[in-house]
Structures are given as structure tokens and as C-alpha cells.
Amino acid sequence: YVEQEGDARVPASHQTEDEYNLGTWVSSQRSIKDRLTPEQITRLESLEGWIWDISEFQWEQGFSYLEAYVEQKGHARVPNSHQTEDGYTLGRWVSKQRSKKDRLTPEQITRLESLEGWIWDISEFQWEQGFSYLEAYVEQKGHARVPNSHQTEDGYTLGRWVSKQRSKKDRLTPEQITRLESLEGW
């Protein structure tokens, strides 16, 4: 397998041509590492791309894609649908990290939070972004009566955001309602 594929990262479901469950065997070796002989461990570790902890490997892989995204875009706010050029579903990986924050290690949390623009709650971020645009509008126009079709100079659909806040008033937090109602002309 390593000769053919270039690494020892065998998918769990992989079968050889003669129907040997190689993926199952590899998974088994990882789970019984403490019962393998030092020679067996050395032989496995000598294989290109051998890894003991597949979860850790996958996390590191996702994080390295995220670092590259941040370097290119300047922030870690990856759209859910984003895929890298080689097909890695980075948006899905980022979303998964947000949803399982309580199962991440403190080190993983620190590393994510060290990235420019990392946010845990995308809904809160989007609300704050919309509110910030609305505050700027009020400052410029003197009121919060934004036409539905209004877009900011950079293309933000503020009119649609304002309309959405009105239609979902029952799902806003008391703090969000207070902040909106404090704006002139809301």
C-alpha cells in the first residue's frame, strides 16, 4: 500500500485486491500499540506517513489549511461552503471546530484563537457586523429607517439586515432589542 499510495494513511474501509481488510488491520495496530513489540512499533513508524493518532493528524491537517487561508485572506472567517483547491472542505472543518469547542484541547483552542479574525459564534459576529453598519448609517443619516434595498458602499445589504431584525424580533436577545431601540428613529 505504501509503495502504491506513497504513505501509510490507509482508509479504515480499505480492502486489498484479494479482499484483505487492510484498513481494519491498520486501525487495530493503532488501538493495540501498547501490546506491540518495540520492533513492531519501529517497523510501523518507519513507514512513510505512519501516524498513531488519526484524530490528531486530521486536526493538524485542518489547522494547516486554515493557517494558509488566513495568510491568503487575512482572517479566519471561512465560509461554510469553502473548499481548498485540492478539495479539502475547510469550511466544514472550521464549522466543526466551533460546534465542538468543549471537546477541543486547551492548546487547540489557544491555537485557533491566535488566528486573525477567529470567531466562535458566527451568528453573534454577523449580528455585530450588521449593527455596526446600522450605527454608521444612523450617524450619517440621523435615523435608523433604512430602505430595504439599501446597500453600503462596500456592498453590505444593510436594508435586508434591518428588515430581518424586525421580522425576527422574538428571537433577538433583550440586549440586542435594547441596542436597536436606542438608535434614533428605530
N, C-alpha and C. Protein backbone atom coordinates (compact mmCIF):
# COMPACT_ATOMS: atom_id res chain seq x y z
N TYR A 1 0.83 -1.20 0.00
CA TYR A 1 0.00 0.00 0.00
C TYR A 1 0.87 1.25 0.00
N VAL A 2 1.89 1.28 0.85
CA VAL A 2 2.76 2.45 0.94
C VAL A 2 3.49 2.67 -0.38
N GLU A 3 3.97 1.58 -1.00
CA GLU A 3 4.63 1.72 -2.31
C GLU A 3 3.70 2.32 -3.34
N GLN A 4 2.46 1.90 -3.33
CA GLN A 4 1.48 2.36 -4.33
C GLN A 4 0.99 3.77 -4.05
N GLU A 5 0.63 4.07 -2.78
CA GLU A 5 -0.01 5.33 -2.43
C GLU A 5 0.95 6.40 -1.93
N GLY A 6 2.13 5.99 -1.49
CA GLY A 6 3.11 6.97 -1.04
C GLY A 6 3.06 7.28 0.44
N ASP A 7 2.10 6.70 1.16
CA ASP A 7 2.03 6.91 2.61
C ASP A 7 1.25 5.76 3.24
N ALA A 8 1.32 5.70 4.57
CA ALA A 8 0.67 4.61 5.30
C ALA A 8 -0.67 5.02 5.90
N ARG A 9 -1.26 6.07 5.38
CA ARG A 9 -2.56 6.52 5.90
C ARG A 9 -3.68 5.77 5.16
N VAL A 10 -3.88 4.56 5.57
CA VAL A 10 -4.84 3.66 4.93
C VAL A 10 -6.24 3.98 5.41
N PRO A 11 -7.19 4.27 4.51
CA PRO A 11 -8.57 4.50 4.96
C PRO A 11 -9.11 3.27 5.70
N ALA A 12 -9.90 3.50 6.72
CA ALA A 12 -10.41 2.42 7.57
C ALA A 12 -11.16 1.35 6.77
N SER A 13 -11.79 1.74 5.69
CA SER A 13 -12.59 0.78 4.91
C SER A 13 -11.80 0.12 3.78
N HIS A 14 -10.50 0.38 3.68
CA HIS A 14 -9.71 -0.12 2.54
C HIS A 14 -9.52 -1.64 2.57
N GLN A 15 -9.81 -2.24 1.42
CA GLN A 15 -9.54 -3.66 1.22
C GLN A 15 -8.55 -3.81 0.08
N THR A 16 -7.68 -4.80 0.19
CA THR A 16 -6.75 -5.07 -0.88
C THR A 16 -7.49 -5.78 -2.01
N GLU A 17 -6.82 -5.97 -3.14
CA GLU A 17 -7.46 -6.65 -4.27
C GLU A 17 -7.93 -8.05 -3.90
N ASP A 18 -7.20 -8.71 -3.01
CA ASP A 18 -7.61 -10.06 -2.59
C ASP A 18 -8.55 -10.01 -1.38
N GLU A 19 -9.15 -8.83 -1.13
CA GLU A 19 -10.19 -8.61 -0.12
C GLU A 19 -9.70 -8.69 1.32
N TYR A 20 -8.41 -8.45 1.54
CA TYR A 20 -7.90 -8.37 2.91
C TYR A 20 -8.27 -6.99 3.45
N ASN A 21 -8.84 -6.94 4.65
CA ASN A 21 -9.27 -5.68 5.27
C ASN A 21 -8.07 -4.95 5.87
N LEU A 22 -7.27 -4.34 5.01
CA LEU A 22 -6.06 -3.66 5.44
C LEU A 22 -6.39 -2.46 6.34
N GLY A 23 -7.44 -1.73 6.00
CA GLY A 23 -7.83 -0.58 6.82
C GLY A 23 -8.16 -0.98 8.25
N THR A 24 -8.85 -2.09 8.39
CA THR A 24 -9.20 -2.59 9.71
C THR A 24 -7.94 -3.01 10.47
N TRP A 25 -7.01 -3.67 9.76
CA TRP A 25 -5.77 -4.11 10.39
C TRP A 25 -4.97 -2.90 10.88
N VAL A 26 -4.86 -1.86 10.06
CA VAL A 26 -4.12 -0.66 10.45
C VAL A 26 -4.77 -0.01 11.67
N SER A 27 -6.09 0.12 11.66
CA SER A 27 -6.80 0.69 12.82
C SER A 27 -6.54 -0.13 14.08
N SER A 28 -6.50 -1.43 13.91
CA SER A 28 -6.25 -2.32 15.04
C SER A 28 -4.85 -2.09 15.61
N GLN A 29 -3.85 -1.91 14.74
CA GLN A 29 -2.48 -1.68 15.22
C GLN A 29 -2.41 -0.41 16.05
N ARG A 30 -3.15 0.60 15.62
CA ARG A 30 -3.16 1.85 16.39
C ARG A 30 -3.76 1.64 17.78
N SER A 31 -4.82 0.86 17.82
CA SER A 31 -5.51 0.69 19.11
C SER A 31 -4.78 -0.26 20.06
N ILE A 32 -3.88 -1.09 19.55
CA ILE A 32 -3.16 -2.03 20.43
C ILE A 32 -1.67 -1.67 20.53
N LYS A 33 -1.35 -0.43 20.30
CA LYS A 33 0.07 0.00 20.31
C LYS A 33 0.79 -0.46 21.57
N ASP A 34 0.10 -0.38 22.71
CA ASP A 34 0.75 -0.75 23.98
C ASP A 34 1.03 -2.25 24.08
N ARG A 35 0.48 -3.05 23.19
CA ARG A 35 0.71 -4.50 23.20
C ARG A 35 1.65 -4.95 22.08
N LEU A 36 2.09 -4.00 21.25
CA LEU A 36 3.02 -4.34 20.18
C LEU A 36 4.44 -4.38 20.73
N THR A 37 5.28 -5.15 20.07
CA THR A 37 6.68 -5.20 20.48
C THR A 37 7.39 -3.94 20.01
N PRO A 38 8.49 -3.58 20.64
CA PRO A 38 9.26 -2.42 20.18
C PRO A 38 9.64 -2.55 18.69
N GLU A 39 9.95 -3.78 18.27
CA GLU A 39 10.30 -3.99 16.86
C GLU A 39 9.10 -3.70 15.94
N GLN A 40 7.94 -4.15 16.34
CA GLN A 40 6.74 -3.89 15.52
C GLN A 40 6.45 -2.39 15.44
N ILE A 41 6.59 -1.71 16.56
CA ILE A 41 6.38 -0.26 16.58
C ILE A 41 7.37 0.43 15.66
N THR A 42 8.63 0.05 15.76
CA THR A 42 9.67 0.64 14.91
C THR A 42 9.37 0.40 13.44
N ARG A 43 8.95 -0.83 13.10
CA ARG A 43 8.65 -1.14 11.70
C ARG A 43 7.49 -0.30 11.19
N LEU A 44 6.44 -0.15 12.00
CA LEU A 44 5.31 0.68 11.57
C LEU A 44 5.74 2.13 11.41
N GLU A 45 6.48 2.64 12.40
CA GLU A 45 6.90 4.04 12.36
C GLU A 45 7.89 4.33 11.24
N SER A 46 8.51 3.30 10.70
CA SER A 46 9.45 3.51 9.59
C SER A 46 8.72 3.70 8.26
N LEU A 47 7.43 3.41 8.24
CA LEU A 47 6.64 3.56 7.01
C LEU A 47 6.33 5.04 6.76
N GLU A 48 6.48 5.47 5.54
CA GLU A 48 6.19 6.86 5.16
C GLU A 48 4.74 7.22 5.52
N GLY A 49 4.58 8.29 6.29
CA GLY A 49 3.25 8.77 6.61
C GLY A 49 2.52 8.00 7.70
N TRP A 50 3.22 7.12 8.42
CA TRP A 50 2.55 6.38 9.50
C TRP A 50 2.16 7.35 10.61
N ILE A 51 0.95 7.22 11.12
CA ILE A 51 0.51 8.04 12.25
C ILE A 51 -0.22 7.14 13.24
N TRP A 52 -0.02 7.44 14.52
CA TRP A 52 -0.69 6.67 15.57
C TRP A 52 -2.06 7.27 15.88
N ASP A 53 -2.14 8.57 15.93
CA ASP A 53 -3.39 9.22 16.33
C ASP A 53 -4.01 9.92 15.12
N ILE A 54 -4.98 9.26 14.50
CA ILE A 54 -5.60 9.78 13.27
C ILE A 54 -6.38 11.07 13.54
N SER A 55 -7.01 11.17 14.71
CA SER A 55 -7.75 12.40 15.04
C SER A 55 -6.82 13.59 15.13
N GLU A 56 -5.68 13.39 15.79
CA GLU A 56 -4.71 14.47 15.91
C GLU A 56 -4.18 14.87 14.53
N PHE A 57 -3.90 13.86 13.71
CA PHE A 57 -3.42 14.13 12.35
C PHE A 57 -4.43 14.96 11.57
N GLN A 58 -5.70 14.54 11.64
CA GLN A 58 -6.74 15.25 10.90
C GLN A 58 -6.92 16.67 11.41
N TRP A 59 -6.80 16.86 12.73
CA TRP A 59 -6.92 18.21 13.28
C TRP A 59 -5.78 19.09 12.78
N GLU A 60 -4.57 18.55 12.83
CA GLU A 60 -3.40 19.31 12.37
C GLU A 60 -3.51 19.64 10.88
N GLN A 61 -4.04 18.71 10.11
CA GLN A 61 -4.23 18.94 8.68
C GLN A 61 -5.21 20.10 8.47
N GLY A 62 -6.34 20.07 9.15
CA GLY A 62 -7.33 21.14 9.04
C GLY A 62 -6.76 22.47 9.48
N PHE A 63 -6.02 22.46 10.57
CA PHE A 63 -5.43 23.69 11.07
C PHE A 63 -4.43 24.28 10.08
N SER A 64 -3.65 23.42 9.44
CA SER A 64 -2.68 23.95 8.48
C SER A 64 -3.38 24.55 7.26
N TYR A 65 -4.49 23.97 6.84
CA TYR A 65 -5.28 24.57 5.76
C TYR A 65 -5.83 25.93 6.22
N LEU A 66 -6.27 25.99 7.47
CA LEU A 66 -6.83 27.24 7.99
C LEU A 66 -5.75 28.31 8.07
N GLU A 67 -4.55 27.93 8.51
CA GLU A 67 -3.45 28.90 8.55
C GLU A 67 -3.16 29.46 7.15
N ALA A 68 -3.17 28.60 6.15
CA ALA A 68 -2.93 29.05 4.77
C ALA A 68 -4.04 30.00 4.32
N TYR A 69 -5.29 29.70 4.70
CA TYR A 69 -6.42 30.56 4.36
C TYR A 69 -6.25 31.94 4.99
N VAL A 70 -5.87 31.96 6.27
CA VAL A 70 -5.67 33.23 6.98
C VAL A 70 -4.55 34.03 6.32
N GLU A 71 -3.49 33.34 5.95
CA GLU A 71 -2.39 34.04 5.29
C GLU A 71 -2.84 34.68 3.97
N GLN A 72 -3.71 33.97 3.26
CA GLN A 72 -4.18 34.48 1.97
C GLN A 72 -5.26 35.56 2.12
N LYS A 73 -6.22 35.34 3.02
CA LYS A 73 -7.37 36.23 3.13
C LYS A 73 -7.24 37.28 4.24
N GLY A 74 -6.37 37.04 5.20
CA GLY A 74 -6.18 37.99 6.29
C GLY A 74 -7.12 37.78 7.46
N HIS A 75 -7.93 36.74 7.44
CA HIS A 75 -8.85 36.44 8.54
C HIS A 75 -9.24 34.97 8.52
N ALA A 76 -9.81 34.50 9.63
CA ALA A 76 -10.19 33.09 9.76
C ALA A 76 -11.69 32.87 9.63
N ARG A 77 -12.39 33.81 9.02
CA ARG A 77 -13.85 33.65 8.86
C ARG A 77 -14.14 32.94 7.54
N VAL A 78 -13.98 31.63 7.56
CA VAL A 78 -14.12 30.80 6.37
C VAL A 78 -15.59 30.50 6.12
N PRO A 79 -16.10 30.76 4.91
CA PRO A 79 -17.49 30.40 4.62
C PRO A 79 -17.69 28.88 4.75
N ASN A 80 -18.85 28.47 5.23
CA ASN A 80 -19.13 27.04 5.43
C ASN A 80 -18.90 26.21 4.18
N SER A 81 -19.17 26.78 3.02
CA SER A 81 -19.07 26.02 1.78
C SER A 81 -17.67 26.01 1.17
N HIS A 82 -16.70 26.67 1.83
CA HIS A 82 -15.37 26.82 1.22
C HIS A 82 -14.61 25.50 1.15
N GLN A 83 -14.07 25.24 -0.05
CA GLN A 83 -13.18 24.12 -0.28
C GLN A 83 -11.87 24.65 -0.81
N THR A 84 -10.77 24.00 -0.43
CA THR A 84 -9.48 24.39 -0.95
C THR A 84 -9.36 23.92 -2.40
N GLU A 85 -8.32 24.37 -3.06
CA GLU A 85 -8.12 23.98 -4.46
C GLU A 85 -7.99 22.47 -4.61
N ASP A 86 -7.45 21.80 -3.61
CA ASP A 86 -7.30 20.34 -3.70
C ASP A 86 -8.51 19.59 -3.13
N GLY A 87 -9.61 20.32 -2.86
CA GLY A 87 -10.86 19.68 -2.46
C GLY A 87 -11.08 19.51 -0.98
N TYR A 88 -10.19 20.01 -0.13
CA TYR A 88 -10.37 19.89 1.31
C TYR A 88 -11.52 20.80 1.74
N THR A 89 -12.49 20.26 2.48
CA THR A 89 -13.67 21.01 2.90
C THR A 89 -13.36 21.81 4.16
N LEU A 90 -12.61 22.89 3.97
CA LEU A 90 -12.15 23.71 5.09
C LEU A 90 -13.31 24.37 5.83
N GLY A 91 -14.30 24.87 5.11
CA GLY A 91 -15.46 25.50 5.75
C GLY A 91 -16.15 24.56 6.72
N ARG A 92 -16.27 23.31 6.32
CA ARG A 92 -16.91 22.31 7.18
C ARG A 92 -16.03 22.02 8.40
N TRP A 93 -14.69 21.96 8.19
CA TRP A 93 -13.78 21.71 9.31
C TRP A 93 -13.88 22.84 10.33
N VAL A 94 -13.88 24.09 9.86
CA VAL A 94 -13.97 25.25 10.76
C VAL A 94 -15.29 25.21 11.54
N SER A 95 -16.37 24.94 10.84
CA SER A 95 -17.68 24.87 11.49
C SER A 95 -17.69 23.78 12.58
N LYS A 96 -17.05 22.67 12.28
CA LYS A 96 -16.98 21.56 13.25
C LYS A 96 -16.20 21.98 14.50
N GLN A 97 -15.13 22.75 14.32
CA GLN A 97 -14.34 23.20 15.48
C GLN A 97 -15.19 24.09 16.38
N ARG A 98 -15.99 24.97 15.74
CA ARG A 98 -16.86 25.85 16.54
C ARG A 98 -17.88 25.04 17.33
N SER A 99 -18.46 24.05 16.69
CA SER A 99 -19.53 23.29 17.34
C SER A 99 -19.03 22.33 18.42
N LYS A 100 -17.75 21.97 18.37
CA LYS A 100 -17.24 21.04 19.37
C LYS A 100 -16.17 21.68 20.26
N LYS A 101 -16.30 22.97 20.49
CA LYS A 101 -15.31 23.70 21.30
C LYS A 101 -15.07 23.01 22.64
N ASP A 102 -16.13 22.49 23.25
CA ASP A 102 -16.00 21.87 24.57
C ASP A 102 -15.22 20.55 24.53
N ARG A 103 -14.95 20.02 23.34
CA ARG A 103 -14.18 18.78 23.23
C ARG A 103 -12.77 19.01 22.68
N LEU A 104 -12.43 20.27 22.41
CA LEU A 104 -11.08 20.59 21.95
C LEU A 104 -10.15 20.71 23.15
N THR A 105 -8.87 20.50 22.91
CA THR A 105 -7.90 20.66 23.98
C THR A 105 -7.67 22.16 24.21
N PRO A 106 -7.21 22.54 25.39
CA PRO A 106 -6.88 23.95 25.62
C PRO A 106 -5.87 24.47 24.59
N GLU A 107 -4.92 23.62 24.20
CA GLU A 107 -3.93 24.03 23.20
C GLU A 107 -4.60 24.32 21.85
N GLN A 108 -5.52 23.45 21.45
CA GLN A 108 -6.21 23.66 20.18
C GLN A 108 -7.02 24.96 20.21
N ILE A 109 -7.69 25.21 21.32
CA ILE A 109 -8.47 26.45 21.48
C ILE A 109 -7.55 27.66 21.37
N THR A 110 -6.43 27.61 22.06
CA THR A 110 -5.48 28.72 22.02
C THR A 110 -4.96 28.94 20.61
N ARG A 111 -4.64 27.86 19.92
CA ARG A 111 -4.12 28.00 18.56
C ARG A 111 -5.16 28.60 17.62
N LEU A 112 -6.41 28.17 17.74
CA LEU A 112 -7.46 28.75 16.90
C LEU A 112 -7.65 30.23 17.22
N GLU A 113 -7.71 30.54 18.50
CA GLU A 113 -7.94 31.93 18.91
C GLU A 113 -6.77 32.85 18.56
N SER A 114 -5.61 32.28 18.31
CA SER A 114 -4.46 33.10 17.93
C SER A 114 -4.53 33.55 16.47
N LEU A 115 -5.42 32.97 15.71
CA LEU A 115 -5.53 33.33 14.29
C LEU A 115 -6.34 34.61 14.11
N GLU A 116 -5.87 35.47 13.23
CA GLU A 116 -6.54 36.74 12.94
C GLU A 116 -7.98 36.49 12.50
N GLY A 117 -8.93 37.12 13.20
CA GLY A 117 -10.33 37.03 12.80
C GLY A 117 -11.05 35.76 13.22
N TRP A 118 -10.43 34.94 14.10
CA TRP A 118 -11.14 33.72 14.54
C TRP A 118 -12.31 34.12 15.40
N ILE A 119 -13.46 33.50 15.16
CA ILE A 119 -14.64 33.73 15.99
C ILE A 119 -15.29 32.39 16.31
N TRP A 120 -15.83 32.29 17.51
CA TRP A 120 -16.52 31.05 17.91
C TRP A 120 -17.98 31.09 17.51
N ASP A 121 -18.62 32.25 17.64
CA ASP A 121 -20.05 32.36 17.37
C ASP A 121 -20.27 33.21 16.13
N ILE A 122 -20.49 32.57 15.01
CA ILE A 122 -20.64 33.27 13.74
C ILE A 122 -21.91 34.12 13.72
N SER A 123 -22.97 33.66 14.37
CA SER A 123 -24.22 34.42 14.40
C SER A 123 -24.03 35.74 15.15
N GLU A 124 -23.35 35.66 16.27
CA GLU A 124 -23.09 36.87 17.05
C GLU A 124 -22.22 37.84 16.25
N PHE A 125 -21.20 37.30 15.58
CA PHE A 125 -20.33 38.13 14.75
C PHE A 125 -21.14 38.84 13.67
N GLN A 126 -21.99 38.09 12.99
CA GLN A 126 -22.79 38.67 11.90
C GLN A 126 -23.75 39.74 12.43
N TRP A 127 -24.32 39.50 13.62
CA TRP A 127 -25.21 40.50 14.19
C TRP A 127 -24.44 41.77 14.51
N GLU A 128 -23.30 41.61 15.14
CA GLU A 128 -22.48 42.77 15.49
C GLU A 128 -22.03 43.54 14.24
N GLN A 129 -21.73 42.82 13.21
CA GLN A 129 -21.33 43.45 11.96
C GLN A 129 -22.48 44.29 11.40
N GLY A 130 -23.67 43.70 11.36
CA GLY A 130 -24.85 44.43 10.87
C GLY A 130 -25.15 45.64 11.73
N PHE A 131 -25.07 45.48 13.04
CA PHE A 131 -25.35 46.59 13.94
C PHE A 131 -24.34 47.72 13.74
N SER A 132 -23.10 47.36 13.53
CA SER A 132 -22.06 48.35 13.29
C SER A 132 -22.37 49.17 12.02
N TYR A 133 -22.80 48.48 10.97
CA TYR A 133 -23.19 49.19 9.75
C TYR A 133 -24.39 50.10 10.01
N LEU A 134 -25.33 49.62 10.83
CA LEU A 134 -26.52 50.41 11.13
C LEU A 134 -26.14 51.65 11.95
N GLU A 135 -25.26 51.50 12.91
CA GLU A 135 -24.80 52.67 13.67
C GLU A 135 -24.17 53.72 12.75
N ALA A 136 -23.38 53.29 11.81
CA ALA A 136 -22.74 54.22 10.88
C ALA A 136 -23.80 54.91 10.02
N TYR A 137 -24.83 54.17 9.63
CA TYR A 137 -25.92 54.74 8.84
C TYR A 137 -26.64 55.82 9.64
N VAL A 138 -26.95 55.50 10.90
CA VAL A 138 -27.65 56.46 11.78
C VAL A 138 -26.80 57.71 11.97
N GLU A 139 -25.52 57.52 12.15
CA GLU A 139 -24.63 58.66 12.32
C GLU A 139 -24.65 59.56 11.08
N GLN A 140 -24.71 58.94 9.92
CA GLN A 140 -24.69 59.71 8.67
C GLN A 140 -26.05 60.32 8.34
N LYS A 141 -27.13 59.54 8.53
CA LYS A 141 -28.46 59.99 8.10
C LYS A 141 -29.30 60.59 9.23
N GLY A 142 -28.95 60.29 10.48
CA GLY A 142 -29.70 60.83 11.60
C GLY A 142 -30.88 59.98 12.03
N HIS A 143 -31.08 58.84 11.40
CA HIS A 143 -32.20 57.94 11.76
C HIS A 143 -31.87 56.51 11.33
N ALA A 144 -32.67 55.57 11.85
CA ALA A 144 -32.45 54.15 11.56
C ALA A 144 -33.49 53.59 10.60
N ARG A 145 -34.14 54.43 9.84
CA ARG A 145 -35.15 53.95 8.89
C ARG A 145 -34.47 53.66 7.54
N VAL A 146 -33.84 52.50 7.49
CA VAL A 146 -33.05 52.11 6.32
C VAL A 146 -33.98 51.49 5.27
N PRO A 147 -33.93 51.99 4.03
CA PRO A 147 -34.73 51.37 2.97
C PRO A 147 -34.31 49.90 2.77
N ASN A 148 -35.27 49.04 2.47
CA ASN A 148 -34.98 47.61 2.28
C ASN A 148 -33.89 47.35 1.25
N SER A 149 -33.82 48.17 0.24
CA SER A 149 -32.86 47.93 -0.84
C SER A 149 -31.48 48.55 -0.58
N HIS A 150 -31.31 49.21 0.57
CA HIS A 150 -30.05 49.93 0.82
C HIS A 150 -28.86 48.99 0.99
N GLN A 151 -27.79 49.32 0.26
CA GLN A 151 -26.51 48.64 0.41
C GLN A 151 -25.46 49.68 0.77
N THR A 152 -24.50 49.25 1.58
CA THR A 152 -23.40 50.16 1.93
C THR A 152 -22.46 50.27 0.73
N GLU A 153 -21.53 51.19 0.82
CA GLU A 153 -20.57 51.37 -0.27
C GLU A 153 -19.77 50.12 -0.55
N ASP A 154 -19.52 49.31 0.47
CA ASP A 154 -18.75 48.08 0.25
C ASP A 154 -19.65 46.86 -0.05
N GLY A 155 -20.94 47.12 -0.32
CA GLY A 155 -21.84 46.05 -0.76
C GLY A 155 -22.62 45.33 0.32
N TYR A 156 -22.49 45.76 1.57
CA TYR A 156 -23.24 45.10 2.65
C TYR A 156 -24.72 45.44 2.50
N THR A 157 -25.59 44.44 2.52
CA THR A 157 -27.03 44.64 2.32
C THR A 157 -27.68 45.03 3.65
N LEU A 158 -27.44 46.26 4.06
CA LEU A 158 -27.93 46.76 5.34
C LEU A 158 -29.45 46.77 5.41
N GLY A 159 -30.12 47.17 4.33
CA GLY A 159 -31.58 47.19 4.34
C GLY A 159 -32.17 45.82 4.63
N ARG A 160 -31.57 44.81 4.03
CA ARG A 160 -32.04 43.44 4.27
C ARG A 160 -31.76 43.02 5.71
N TRP A 161 -30.59 43.41 6.26
CA TRP A 161 -30.27 43.06 7.63
C TRP A 161 -31.27 43.70 8.60
N VAL A 162 -31.58 44.99 8.39
CA VAL A 162 -32.53 45.70 9.26
C VAL A 162 -33.90 45.04 9.18
N SER A 163 -34.34 44.73 7.99
CA SER A 163 -35.64 44.08 7.80
C SER A 163 -35.68 42.73 8.54
N LYS A 164 -34.59 42.01 8.46
CA LYS A 164 -34.52 40.71 9.13
C LYS A 164 -34.62 40.87 10.65
N GLN A 165 -34.00 41.92 11.20
CA GLN A 165 -34.06 42.14 12.65
C GLN A 165 -35.50 42.40 13.09
N ARG A 166 -36.22 43.16 12.26
CA ARG A 166 -37.62 43.46 12.60
C ARG A 166 -38.46 42.19 12.55
N SER A 167 -38.24 41.36 11.54
CA SER A 167 -39.08 40.17 11.37
C SER A 167 -38.76 39.08 12.40
N LYS A 168 -37.58 39.11 12.98
CA LYS A 168 -37.24 38.08 13.97
C LYS A 168 -37.08 38.66 15.38
N LYS A 169 -37.84 39.71 15.65
CA LYS A 169 -37.73 40.39 16.94
C LYS A 169 -37.88 39.42 18.11
N ASP A 170 -38.75 38.43 17.97
CA ASP A 170 -38.99 37.48 19.06
C ASP A 170 -37.81 36.54 19.30
N ARG A 171 -36.83 36.52 18.38
CA ARG A 171 -35.66 35.67 18.55
C ARG A 171 -34.39 36.46 18.90
N LEU A 172 -34.54 37.77 19.02
CA LEU A 172 -33.40 38.60 19.42
C LEU A 172 -33.25 38.56 20.94
N THR A 173 -32.05 38.79 21.41
CA THR A 173 -31.84 38.84 22.86
C THR A 173 -32.36 40.18 23.37
N PRO A 174 -32.70 40.25 24.66
CA PRO A 174 -33.12 41.54 25.22
C PRO A 174 -32.06 42.64 24.99
N GLU A 175 -30.79 42.26 25.07
CA GLU A 175 -29.72 43.24 24.85
C GLU A 175 -29.74 43.75 23.41
N GLN A 176 -29.94 42.86 22.45
CA GLN A 176 -29.99 43.28 21.04
C GLN A 176 -31.17 44.22 20.81
N ILE A 177 -32.32 43.89 21.39
CA ILE A 177 -33.51 44.74 21.25
C ILE A 177 -33.24 46.12 21.84
N THR A 178 -32.66 46.15 23.03
CA THR A 178 -32.33 47.43 23.68
C THR A 178 -31.39 48.26 22.82
N ARG A 179 -30.39 47.61 22.27
CA ARG A 179 -29.41 48.33 21.45
C ARG A 179 -30.06 48.90 20.18
N LEU A 180 -30.93 48.11 19.55
CA LEU A 180 -31.62 48.61 18.36
C LEU A 180 -32.55 49.78 18.72
N GLU A 181 -33.31 49.58 19.81
CA GLU A 181 -34.26 50.61 20.20
C GLU A 181 -33.60 51.90 20.67
N SER A 182 -32.32 51.83 21.02
CA SER A 182 -31.61 53.03 21.46
C SER A 182 -31.19 53.91 20.27
N LEU A 183 -31.31 53.40 19.07
CA LEU A 183 -30.91 54.14 17.88
C LEU A 183 -32.01 55.13 17.48
N GLU A 184 -31.62 56.32 17.11
CA GLU A 184 -32.55 57.35 16.68
C GLU A 184 -33.42 56.85 15.51
N GLY A 185 -34.71 56.91 15.67
CA GLY A 185 -35.63 56.56 14.58
C GLY A 185 -35.86 55.08 14.39
N TRP A 186 -35.46 54.25 15.34
CA TRP A 186 -35.70 52.80 15.18
C TRP A 186 -37.16 52.51 15.38
